[in-house]
Amino acid sequence: MSDLLFADDKAASRFTLHRGDDLVSVLDYRDDGRTIALTRAFTIPTFRGHGYAAVVTERAVDAIEADGQREILPVCWYVGEWFEAHPERAGLLHQRPSA
């Protein structure tokens, strides 16, 4: 999957993944300056079944971690399941204060 281009489209609040000229997957987010909520992972239907949602999610998490300024709130069910499958990345998750 080295021919994939990952980008953070800040104007649209989404991470994108392209294969050549084709947009294959996106991960939408909301950023409040402290927490970045990953709200929707979506793969274009004709490109489903190739693991692109996992790639865009992993690269987004890598980018957020490298920035070091935000915690992650996995709003999207797919992102939540991705973190369940990658418990070693749980330190990046936003911890809600306990009551």
Protein backbone atom coordinates (compact mmCIF):
# COMPACT_ATOMS: atom_id res chain seq x y z
CA MET A 1 0.00 0.00 0.00
CA SER A 2 2.93 2.28 -0.63
CA ASP A 3 1.11 3.95 -3.53
CA LEU A 4 -1.37 5.56 -1.11
CA LEU A 5 -1.30 9.28 -0.36
CA PHE A 6 -2.51 10.35 3.10
CA ALA A 7 -3.33 14.00 3.85
CA ASP A 8 -4.97 16.16 6.49
CA ASP A 9 -7.48 18.41 4.74
CA LYS A 10 -7.82 20.92 7.60
CA ALA A 11 -10.30 23.10 5.68
CA ALA A 12 -12.71 20.15 5.42
CA SER A 13 -11.80 18.68 8.85
CA ARG A 14 -10.99 15.32 7.35
CA PHE A 15 -8.09 13.02 6.75
CA THR A 16 -8.02 11.65 3.22
CA LEU A 17 -6.50 8.64 1.53
CA HIS A 18 -5.93 8.58 -2.22
CA ARG A 19 -4.74 5.78 -4.48
CA GLY A 20 -3.37 7.60 -7.47
CA ASP A 21 -6.00 10.16 -8.46
CA ASP A 22 -8.81 8.27 -6.72
CA LEU A 23 -10.10 9.24 -3.29
CA VAL A 24 -10.58 5.88 -1.58
CA SER A 25 -11.28 6.66 2.09
CA VAL A 26 -11.83 9.58 4.50
CA LEU A 27 -11.89 10.08 8.25
CA ASP A 28 -13.84 13.13 9.39
CA TYR A 29 -12.99 14.90 12.63
CA ARG A 30 -13.82 17.76 14.99
CA ASP A 31 -10.92 19.50 16.69
CA ASP A 32 -11.56 21.70 19.74
CA GLY A 33 -7.89 22.45 20.37
CA ARG A 34 -7.49 19.84 23.12
CA THR A 35 -9.35 16.81 21.81
CA ILE A 36 -9.82 15.57 18.28
CA ALA A 37 -13.05 13.63 17.84
CA LEU A 38 -12.81 11.11 15.00
CA THR A 39 -16.42 11.17 13.86
CA ARG A 40 -16.77 9.13 10.67
CA ALA A 41 -14.60 6.72 8.72
CA PHE A 42 -15.87 6.13 5.21
CA THR A 43 -14.54 4.18 2.25
CA ILE A 44 -15.89 4.89 -1.22
CA PRO A 45 -18.09 1.83 -2.00
CA THR A 46 -16.14 0.73 -5.09
CA PHE A 47 -12.94 0.57 -3.00
CA ARG A 48 -14.32 -1.31 0.01
CA GLY A 49 -12.74 -4.59 1.10
CA HIS A 50 -9.11 -3.52 0.69
CA GLY A 51 -8.41 -2.25 4.21
CA TYR A 52 -8.41 1.44 3.32
CA ALA A 53 -10.43 2.48 6.39
CA ALA A 54 -7.81 0.82 8.59
CA VAL A 55 -5.03 2.59 6.73
CA VAL A 56 -6.59 6.06 6.97
CA THR A 57 -7.37 5.48 10.65
CA GLU A 58 -3.86 4.28 11.48
CA ARG A 59 -2.20 7.14 9.61
CA ALA A 60 -4.52 9.67 11.27
CA VAL A 61 -3.71 8.27 14.71
CA ASP A 62 0.00 8.37 13.82
CA ALA A 63 -0.30 12.02 12.74
CA ILE A 64 -2.21 13.01 15.88
CA GLU A 65 0.33 11.22 18.07
CA ALA A 66 3.26 12.84 16.25
CA ASP A 67 1.70 16.27 16.80
CA GLY A 68 1.45 15.49 20.51
CA GLN A 69 -1.13 18.21 21.22
CA ARG A 70 -4.45 16.35 21.19
CA GLU A 71 -6.18 13.42 22.82
CA ILE A 72 -8.44 11.29 20.62
CA LEU A 73 -12.15 10.76 21.15
CA PRO A 74 -13.34 7.84 18.97
CA VAL A 75 -16.91 8.84 18.12
CA CYS A 76 -17.12 6.64 15.01
CA TRP A 77 -17.84 2.96 15.74
CA TYR A 78 -15.12 1.90 13.30
CA VAL A 79 -12.48 4.00 15.07
CA GLY A 80 -13.63 2.58 18.42
CA GLU A 81 -13.20 -0.96 17.11
CA TRP A 82 -9.81 -0.02 15.64
CA PHE A 83 -8.64 1.08 19.11
CA GLU A 84 -10.01 -2.15 20.63
CA ALA A 85 -7.85 -4.05 18.13
CA HIS A 86 -4.84 -1.83 18.96
CA PRO A 87 -4.83 -1.56 22.78
CA GLU A 88 -1.20 -0.39 22.67
CA ARG A 89 -2.51 2.93 21.31
CA ALA A 90 -5.05 3.46 24.13
CA GLY A 91 -2.81 6.05 25.81
CA LEU A 92 -3.87 8.50 23.09
CA LEU A 93 -7.55 8.30 24.03
CA HIS A 94 -9.38 11.09 25.81
CA GLN A 95 -10.16 10.08 29.36
CA ARG A 96 -13.48 11.44 30.54
CA PRO A 97 -13.42 12.68 34.13
CA SER A 98 -15.11 10.25 36.50
CA ALA A 99 -18.08 11.49 38.49
